Each structure stands twice: as C-alpha cells, then as structure tokens.
Amino acid sequence: MKVLKKRSAGHESFAESRGDTGDKMKKTATASERVASSSSVKDPMSQADGYKSVHAAWPSSSDSFADRKAFKDKYVMGKFISKALYGNIFSCVAKETSHNFACKVISNMRVHKRRDRNLCDDPTAEFQLLKLLADRPHRNLLSLVDHFADKRHNFFVLPLARGGDLLTSVQCHPAGLDIKLTREIFEQLALALQHLHTMGWQHGDVSLENILVISPGDFSSIKICDFGLASRMGSPGRSVGKLTYMAPEVLTATKKPKGEGKDTTWPSFLISAGQDVFSLGVCMFVTLCGFPPFESARDSDPNYRDLQSNLQAYRVKLTSWGVSPIKMKSPLLKLLMDMMSKDTEKRPNLNQILTCLKGL
C-alpha cells in the first residue's frame, strides 16, 4: 500500500522548510492542481440562494492598517521559507521581543486577478477567518499575530512552525505513530475543529499538510492552518480539496449539463461539519498506520469499496500491509473507520469523537 507524498510548491503552511523528504510518499494535490479540479463557481456564497457573501474586501493601504514602513519598524524580515499561492512566506523577528514569526507576503495584484479566473482558493475568506480567530482564538488554530498593508502587498504575521507539518513527522515513521500519541494529536485537532464549527465555519481542506507542528518533536501544541477553502456552514458545497482527503459527497458533486447557465456546479450538497470529520478521519488513519486508507472515496476505488461494504476483507488488507495486531484491535481504528463512512448520518460528530477519545 502506497503512502502519501509531501506536496511541492504551493504548500501554504507556515512551516520552516525541511528539504526533500524522499519519494516514498504518495503524491497529493498541489495548490495548482487543487484549483484546477475545483468548480467554476466564482463565489458560491453570493449566488441566488439567499446566502450572503462572506468574502471581505481585500485590505489595502487605504484601510486602517499600518503600512510597510510600520512593518519594518516592528519586524526584521528573515529568510525565504516557501512559495504561497499568491506570494511568498518568510521568517521574521519582532524587534522588541526577538520572537520568531512567519510573514506571509501576498501580492495584491495576484489577489485581484483571481476574481476573473474562477479559482476557489480565496485569500479574502482566509483573511476574514484569521481576523475572527484573532478575536476568538483557539490554541490549535492558526490565527493572525499582526497585519500590515501597502498598495502592492499585504503582510500577514503568523506563528512560525519550526517542526514543519504533520505529514513530515509521519514520513519519519513508516509504520505510523503509536496509539497514545495519535490519540493526543487527534484530540487537539477535534477540539480545534469543534471551535471552528461553533463559529459557523467549515475548514474544507483538513489534511496532514495543513496541520503544523510548532516545535520540532513536540506534538503538544499543533495548529490547523490554511483557511483558503473555508466556507460558512450551510452554504452550497463545492467539489474542491485534496483528492485523498475529500468526502465522497464532495467528490461526487453533480454538474450542470453544458450550456445551462454560467456556473457548472449544482449545490448538490451543503457545507457541513461531516465533511471535515471525514477528512480528519483520513488524516488520523495515515498518522496511525503510515499510509492512506484509499486513494479516493469513490466506489471505483477497491480499497474504499471494501471499507464501506466488506470490512472483513479490508481488515485482511490492513494486516497484509503491516498494521500491527495492537492497532488492529484498538477502538481508535474502529473510530477512524466510522468517521470515513460514506453515509453522512453514520459519521460520528465531534462531541462523540471526543467522548470516545477520552475513553481510550
């Protein structure tokens, strides 16, 4: 069974670069692939469905934010970390405290151009959610530390993840992490998503690449990042995300026949917590076992098909792929399988998940 490969350019975590981690991990969608596979709905929240658009106007120097000079007065820009979809990410140091942060520098021109290109990664939605989280923070959700803007760029100061992303950590353990550590990580992420959902938002792109390890080797403080695909609960669904992590109802979103209107995707499902629960189940399965449960949640995928309709055959496969007897017997594995159910009604909610985790 193959395992996930770290995304290349376009990976928008705010993690320090750790270099090439090898080619044994299965490739997931890059940011550009994720955009290419998205629907052509420019702004699903502003369609004629009664939902109000959540996409705030992109900030500029005319807004009530400090400018580039104010940034330089407060921070020293450091080394380049990685490319972002709309700019670049650098390290920076606060002059007053000498604390290290990440600075995401976004090109205003690139942001404005996206409005004419039917792209679903939306930096304005991400900016709005980061601002909301600055007022209602959670220790396991990335939030905005500082913000500056001028006519050409926006500077978002964010926590720096020296430990990289969770995918990098899992890559170092071919057999996956142990049950106790997986449970501890799992509980933090479930609490973070519960907080986000309580605010009325779905993350929409829960994946190992979007989970940051703030300190190397320390999993007691991890953060979910990258809110570019976040949506309000109850809004029309979109077929976007990374293939392996996408819930089946997201993958099978129906399309309008050609020629029937400008937009080609029907809102065949509504945004809900269940889609994040499914993605979290995939994340934790990979963390526990060291490989993904399937390539995609489609009936055409034999492993997903067995997981849904022939669980005994699927368990035989897991044993043949090297999952230890202790993990095979663990209630944690059963919980993850329930989270990846095709039937949305059978997926446990986050309260049920947290109750189960505390009982392990």
Protein backbone atom coordinates (compact mmCIF):
# COMPACT_ATOMS: atom_id res chain seq x y z
CA MET A 1 0.00 0.00 0.00
CA LYS A 2 1.45 3.35 -1.00
CA VAL A 3 1.76 6.29 1.35
CA LEU A 4 1.30 10.00 0.96
CA LYS A 5 3.96 12.21 -0.52
CA LYS A 6 4.51 15.75 0.65
CA ARG A 7 3.15 18.47 -1.61
CA SER A 8 5.64 20.55 -3.52
CA ALA A 9 5.41 24.27 -4.38
CA GLY A 10 2.16 25.84 -3.33
CA HIS A 11 2.19 24.26 0.11
CA GLU A 12 0.86 27.09 2.24
CA SER A 13 1.56 26.03 5.79
CA PHE A 14 3.76 28.48 7.63
CA ALA A 15 6.38 25.87 8.39
CA GLU A 16 10.11 26.15 8.03
CA SER A 17 11.39 24.26 5.04
CA ARG A 18 12.94 20.89 5.90
CA GLY A 19 14.13 19.99 2.40
CA ASP A 20 13.23 16.95 0.28
CA THR A 21 11.87 14.11 2.36
CA GLY A 22 12.13 11.45 -0.32
CA ASP A 23 9.83 9.93 -2.88
CA LYS A 24 8.28 7.06 -0.96
CA MET A 25 5.18 9.03 -0.01
CA LYS A 26 2.24 9.12 -2.41
CA LYS A 27 1.65 12.47 -4.13
CA THR A 28 -1.34 14.57 -3.09
CA ALA A 29 -2.75 17.54 -4.99
CA THR A 30 -0.66 20.69 -5.18
CA ALA A 31 -2.38 24.02 -4.74
CA SER A 32 -2.49 24.48 -8.51
CA GLU A 33 -3.98 21.00 -9.03
CA ARG A 34 -6.47 21.69 -6.27
CA VAL A 35 -7.57 24.86 -8.06
CA ALA A 36 -7.71 23.17 -11.45
CA SER A 37 -10.05 20.48 -10.13
CA SER A 38 -12.37 22.97 -8.50
CA SER A 39 -15.75 24.06 -9.78
CA SER A 40 -16.22 27.16 -11.88
CA VAL A 41 -18.40 28.85 -9.27
CA LYS A 42 -16.54 32.07 -8.53
CA ASP A 43 -18.26 32.89 -5.30
CA PRO A 44 -20.81 30.28 -4.22
CA MET A 45 -21.86 32.32 -1.21
CA SER A 46 -23.13 35.13 -3.41
CA GLN A 47 -25.33 33.00 -5.68
CA ALA A 48 -29.09 33.44 -5.75
CA ASP A 49 -29.63 31.14 -2.78
CA GLY A 50 -30.19 33.63 -0.03
CA TYR A 51 -26.67 33.30 1.37
CA LYS A 52 -24.66 36.46 1.85
CA SER A 53 -21.09 36.53 0.58
CA VAL A 54 -18.51 36.12 3.33
CA HIS A 55 -15.64 37.31 1.22
CA ALA A 56 -14.45 40.55 2.77
CA ALA A 57 -12.90 43.21 0.57
CA TRP A 58 -9.17 42.63 0.24
CA PRO A 59 -7.37 45.10 2.53
CA SER A 60 -5.12 47.82 1.12
CA SER A 61 -3.11 50.73 2.44
CA SER A 62 -6.27 52.85 2.46
CA ASP A 63 -7.68 50.62 5.22
CA SER A 64 -6.95 51.11 8.89
CA PHE A 65 -3.74 49.08 8.81
CA ALA A 66 -0.15 50.11 9.24
CA ASP A 67 1.98 50.31 6.09
CA ARG A 68 5.26 48.72 5.02
CA LYS A 69 7.32 51.24 6.98
CA ALA A 70 5.44 50.33 10.14
CA PHE A 71 6.23 46.66 9.45
CA LYS A 72 9.93 47.45 9.13
CA ASP A 73 9.81 49.48 12.33
CA LYS A 74 8.44 46.47 14.20
CA TYR A 75 9.93 43.40 12.45
CA VAL A 76 13.09 42.31 10.68
CA MET A 77 12.37 40.20 7.60
CA GLY A 78 14.33 36.94 7.57
CA LYS A 79 14.95 34.09 5.16
CA PHE A 80 12.62 32.76 2.48
CA ILE A 81 10.62 29.73 3.68
CA SER A 82 8.34 28.73 0.82
CA LYS A 83 6.14 29.88 -2.02
CA ALA A 84 2.49 30.65 -1.43
CA LEU A 85 -0.30 30.68 -3.99
CA TYR A 86 -0.44 34.48 -4.01
CA GLY A 87 3.05 35.39 -2.83
CA ASN A 88 5.83 34.10 -0.58
CA ILE A 89 6.40 33.16 3.05
CA PHE A 90 9.41 34.42 5.02
CA SER A 91 10.60 34.21 8.58
CA CYS A 92 10.66 37.45 10.57
CA VAL A 93 11.75 38.58 14.02
CA ALA A 94 9.98 41.04 16.30
CA LYS A 95 12.49 43.77 17.21
CA GLU A 96 11.09 44.38 20.69
CA THR A 97 10.89 40.77 21.87
CA SER A 98 13.22 38.88 19.47
CA HIS A 99 10.42 36.35 18.96
CA ASN A 100 10.34 34.49 15.65
CA PHE A 101 7.30 34.51 13.38
CA ALA A 102 6.32 33.71 9.81
CA CYS A 103 5.38 36.52 7.43
CA LYS A 104 3.12 35.70 4.50
CA VAL A 105 3.62 38.41 1.86
CA ILE A 106 0.70 38.47 -0.57
CA SER A 107 0.63 40.30 -3.89
CA ASN A 108 -2.48 42.45 -4.14
CA MET A 109 -2.33 42.20 -7.94
CA ARG A 110 -2.48 38.39 -7.83
CA VAL A 111 -5.44 38.51 -5.47
CA HIS A 112 -7.41 40.85 -7.70
CA LYS A 113 -6.60 38.81 -10.82
CA ARG A 114 -8.04 35.64 -9.25
CA ARG A 115 -11.53 37.13 -9.31
CA ASP A 116 -11.56 36.75 -13.08
CA ARG A 117 -10.18 33.21 -13.17
CA ASN A 118 -12.78 31.00 -11.41
CA LEU A 119 -10.39 29.95 -8.62
CA CYS A 120 -11.65 28.55 -5.34
CA ASP A 121 -8.71 29.23 -3.03
CA ASP A 122 -9.82 32.57 -1.63
CA PRO A 123 -7.32 34.70 0.32
CA THR A 124 -10.06 37.17 1.26
CA ALA A 125 -12.02 34.43 3.03
CA GLU A 126 -8.83 33.26 4.72
CA PHE A 127 -8.06 36.81 5.84
CA GLN A 128 -11.53 37.24 7.28
CA LEU A 129 -11.30 33.99 9.22
CA LEU A 130 -7.81 34.81 10.52
CA LYS A 131 -9.19 38.11 11.84
CA LEU A 132 -12.09 36.31 13.51
CA LEU A 133 -9.69 33.86 15.12
CA ALA A 134 -7.58 36.73 16.42
CA ASP A 135 -10.66 37.78 18.41
CA ARG A 136 -11.78 34.22 19.25
CA PRO A 137 -8.52 32.24 19.34
CA HIS A 138 -8.02 28.56 19.91
CA ARG A 139 -4.61 27.16 20.77
CA ASN A 140 -4.81 24.63 17.93
CA LEU A 141 -5.97 27.01 15.18
CA LEU A 142 -3.58 29.36 13.40
CA SER A 143 -4.53 32.99 14.00
CA LEU A 144 -3.27 36.38 12.92
CA VAL A 145 -0.50 37.93 15.03
CA ASP A 146 -0.15 41.18 13.09
CA HIS A 147 -1.10 42.71 9.75
CA PHE A 148 0.29 45.46 7.51
CA ALA A 149 -0.66 46.61 4.02
CA ASP A 150 0.54 48.92 1.29
CA LYS A 151 -0.58 49.47 -2.31
CA ARG A 152 1.26 46.41 -3.63
CA HIS A 153 1.37 43.86 -0.81
CA ASN A 154 -0.24 42.58 2.36
CA PHE A 155 1.96 41.33 5.18
CA PHE A 156 0.42 38.71 7.48
CA VAL A 157 2.48 37.93 10.56
CA LEU A 158 1.69 34.42 11.83
CA PRO A 159 3.11 31.85 14.25
CA LEU A 160 6.22 30.07 12.93
CA ALA A 161 6.11 26.27 12.87
CA ARG A 162 9.67 25.09 13.36
CA GLY A 163 8.54 21.46 13.36
CA GLY A 164 7.14 21.60 9.83
CA ASP A 165 3.81 19.95 9.10
CA LEU A 166 2.37 16.72 10.46
CA LEU A 167 2.94 14.94 7.15
CA THR A 168 6.68 15.46 7.56
CA SER A 169 6.55 13.86 11.00
CA VAL A 170 4.52 10.89 9.75
CA GLN A 171 7.01 10.38 6.91
CA CYS A 172 9.66 9.66 9.54
CA HIS A 173 7.58 6.74 10.90
CA PRO A 174 6.74 4.27 8.09
CA ALA A 175 4.55 2.22 10.45
CA GLY A 176 2.75 5.33 11.74
CA LEU A 177 2.80 6.89 15.19
CA ASP A 178 1.81 4.92 18.27
CA ILE A 179 -1.78 4.81 19.53
CA LYS A 180 -1.19 7.08 22.53
CA LEU A 181 0.49 9.84 20.51
CA THR A 182 -2.07 9.60 17.71
CA ARG A 183 -4.87 9.94 20.25
CA GLU A 184 -3.24 13.04 21.79
CA ILE A 185 -2.85 14.69 18.39
CA PHE A 186 -6.35 13.62 17.38
CA GLU A 187 -7.96 15.18 20.45
CA GLN A 188 -6.30 18.56 19.83
CA LEU A 189 -7.49 18.60 16.22
CA ALA A 190 -11.04 17.57 17.15
CA LEU A 191 -11.22 20.39 19.70
CA ALA A 192 -9.89 22.87 17.15
CA LEU A 193 -12.48 21.88 14.54
CA GLN A 194 -15.21 21.96 17.17
CA HIS A 195 -14.25 25.57 17.95
CA LEU A 196 -14.22 26.48 14.25
CA HIS A 197 -17.59 24.84 13.64
CA THR A 198 -19.08 26.62 16.66
CA MET A 199 -18.09 29.87 14.94
CA GLY A 200 -20.15 28.74 11.93
CA TRP A 201 -17.23 27.83 9.67
CA GLN A 202 -16.06 24.65 7.97
CA HIS A 203 -12.34 24.33 7.22
CA GLY A 204 -12.84 22.48 3.94
CA ASP A 205 -9.22 21.37 3.49
CA VAL A 206 -8.24 19.34 6.55
CA SER A 207 -5.07 17.44 5.64
CA LEU A 208 -1.72 16.48 7.14
CA GLU A 209 -0.07 19.27 5.13
CA ASN A 210 -2.34 21.80 6.83
CA ILE A 211 -1.50 20.71 10.38
CA LEU A 212 1.56 22.48 11.78
CA VAL A 213 3.97 21.25 14.45
CA ILE A 214 5.09 24.43 16.23
CA SER A 215 8.18 22.93 17.91
CA PRO A 216 10.19 20.04 16.43
CA GLY A 217 9.19 16.74 18.00
CA ASP A 218 6.61 18.37 20.28
CA PHE A 219 3.06 17.34 19.45
CA SER A 220 1.50 19.02 22.47
CA SER A 221 0.86 22.22 20.51
CA ILE A 222 -0.15 21.72 16.91
CA LYS A 223 -2.19 24.10 14.77
CA ILE A 224 -4.54 23.74 11.82
CA CYS A 225 -3.71 26.30 9.11
CA ASP A 226 -4.62 27.29 5.53
CA PHE A 227 -8.21 28.58 5.52
CA GLY A 228 -8.29 29.34 1.79
CA LEU A 229 -11.13 26.85 1.21
CA ALA A 230 -13.08 27.67 4.36
CA SER A 231 -16.84 28.12 3.95
CA ARG A 232 -19.80 29.04 6.09
CA MET A 233 -21.85 26.12 7.39
CA GLY A 234 -24.96 25.51 5.30
CA SER A 235 -23.61 27.22 2.19
CA PRO A 236 -23.65 25.47 -1.21
CA GLY A 237 -21.00 22.77 -1.48
CA ARG A 238 -18.07 22.85 -3.88
CA SER A 239 -16.03 19.97 -5.26
CA VAL A 240 -12.66 21.21 -4.03
CA GLY A 241 -9.88 19.90 -1.82
CA LYS A 242 -7.15 17.25 -1.93
CA LEU A 243 -8.32 14.03 -3.52
CA THR A 244 -7.39 11.55 -0.79
CA TYR A 245 -9.00 13.63 1.96
CA MET A 246 -12.23 14.60 0.20
CA ALA A 247 -15.52 13.18 1.47
CA PRO A 248 -17.50 11.12 -1.08
CA GLU A 249 -20.33 13.65 -1.31
CA VAL A 250 -17.73 16.30 -2.22
CA LEU A 251 -16.09 14.11 -4.85
CA THR A 252 -19.40 13.22 -6.48
CA ALA A 253 -20.90 16.73 -6.58
CA THR A 254 -23.20 16.80 -9.62
CA LYS A 255 -22.63 19.04 -12.61
CA LYS A 256 -24.99 21.04 -14.76
CA PRO A 257 -25.23 19.96 -18.40
CA LYS A 258 -23.14 22.14 -20.69
CA GLY A 259 -24.86 25.28 -21.83
CA GLU A 260 -27.17 25.56 -18.85
CA GLY A 261 -26.06 28.82 -17.32
CA LYS A 262 -22.70 30.30 -16.49
CA ASP A 263 -21.96 28.19 -13.40
CA THR A 264 -21.38 24.48 -13.95
CA THR A 265 -21.73 23.06 -10.43
CA TRP A 266 -25.05 22.47 -8.73
CA PRO A 267 -25.05 22.84 -4.97
CA SER A 268 -25.76 19.08 -4.71
CA PHE A 269 -24.71 19.11 -1.07
CA LEU A 270 -24.46 21.72 1.66
CA ILE A 271 -21.34 22.54 3.63
CA SER A 272 -21.41 20.70 6.96
CA ALA A 273 -19.21 19.52 9.81
CA GLY A 274 -19.40 15.97 8.41
CA GLN A 275 -17.02 16.74 5.55
CA ASP A 276 -14.33 17.95 7.98
CA VAL A 277 -14.95 14.86 10.13
CA PHE A 278 -14.32 12.62 7.11
CA SER A 279 -11.07 14.44 6.25
CA LEU A 280 -9.92 14.30 9.86
CA GLY A 281 -10.55 10.55 9.84
CA VAL A 282 -8.27 10.17 6.81
CA CYS A 283 -5.60 12.31 8.49
CA MET A 284 -5.60 10.27 11.65
CA PHE A 285 -5.67 6.96 9.76
CA VAL A 286 -2.48 7.98 7.93
CA THR A 287 -0.97 9.17 11.23
CA LEU A 288 -1.74 5.84 12.94
CA CYS A 289 -0.93 3.45 10.08
CA GLY A 290 1.62 5.34 7.97
CA PHE A 291 -0.35 5.09 4.72
CA PRO A 292 -3.71 6.35 3.39
CA PRO A 293 -6.82 4.17 3.68
CA PHE A 294 -7.56 4.54 -0.05
CA GLU A 295 -6.69 6.76 -3.00
CA SER A 296 -10.11 8.38 -3.23
CA ALA A 297 -13.53 7.92 -1.62
CA ARG A 298 -15.15 6.61 -4.79
CA ASP A 299 -16.85 3.28 -5.41
CA SER A 300 -14.34 2.68 -8.21
CA ASP A 301 -11.55 2.56 -5.61
CA PRO A 302 -11.36 -1.10 -4.43
CA ASN A 303 -9.97 -0.21 -1.01
CA TYR A 304 -12.66 2.36 -0.32
CA ARG A 305 -15.30 -0.05 -1.61
CA ASP A 306 -14.09 -2.74 0.80
CA LEU A 307 -14.00 -0.28 3.68
CA GLN A 308 -17.68 0.50 3.08
CA SER A 309 -19.13 -2.89 2.19
CA ASN A 310 -16.64 -5.65 3.05
CA LEU A 311 -14.94 -4.67 6.28
CA GLN A 312 -13.54 -8.14 6.90
CA ALA A 313 -11.72 -8.08 3.55
CA TYR A 314 -10.44 -4.59 4.33
CA ARG A 315 -9.07 -5.72 7.70
CA VAL A 316 -7.26 -8.57 5.98
CA LYS A 317 -5.66 -5.99 3.67
CA LEU A 318 -4.57 -3.85 6.64
CA THR A 319 -2.86 -6.87 8.21
CA SER A 320 -1.10 -7.67 4.92
CA TRP A 321 0.06 -4.05 4.71
CA GLY A 322 1.76 -4.37 8.08
CA VAL A 323 -0.65 -2.80 10.57
CA SER A 324 0.26 -4.23 13.97
CA PRO A 325 -2.15 -6.51 15.89
CA ILE A 326 -2.31 -3.93 18.71
CA LYS A 327 -3.51 -1.25 16.29
CA MET A 328 -5.89 -3.66 14.58
CA LYS A 329 -7.60 -4.32 17.92
CA SER A 330 -7.64 -0.69 19.01
CA PRO A 331 -11.01 1.13 19.33
CA LEU A 332 -9.19 4.07 17.73
CA LEU A 333 -9.01 2.26 14.39
CA LYS A 334 -12.73 1.45 14.56
CA LEU A 335 -13.49 5.12 15.28
CA LEU A 336 -11.48 6.23 12.23
CA MET A 337 -13.34 3.80 10.01
CA ASP A 338 -16.67 5.15 11.27
CA MET A 339 -15.52 8.70 10.50
CA MET A 340 -14.85 7.67 6.90
CA SER A 341 -18.34 6.27 6.36
CA LYS A 342 -19.97 7.03 3.03
CA ASP A 343 -23.26 7.57 4.89
CA THR A 344 -23.05 11.02 6.44
CA GLU A 345 -25.58 10.02 9.10
CA LYS A 346 -23.28 7.26 10.33
CA ARG A 347 -20.26 9.50 10.83
CA PRO A 348 -19.80 10.42 14.50
CA ASN A 349 -19.94 14.11 15.35
CA LEU A 350 -17.07 15.83 17.13
CA ASN A 351 -18.70 15.53 20.54
CA GLN A 352 -19.00 11.77 20.08
CA ILE A 353 -15.43 11.60 18.80
CA LEU A 354 -14.07 13.48 21.81
CA THR A 355 -16.04 11.30 24.21
CA CYS A 356 -14.64 8.20 22.55
CA LEU A 357 -11.07 9.54 22.64
CA LYS A 358 -11.28 10.33 26.33
CA GLY A 359 -12.36 6.74 26.97
CA LEU A 360 -9.36 5.21 25.21
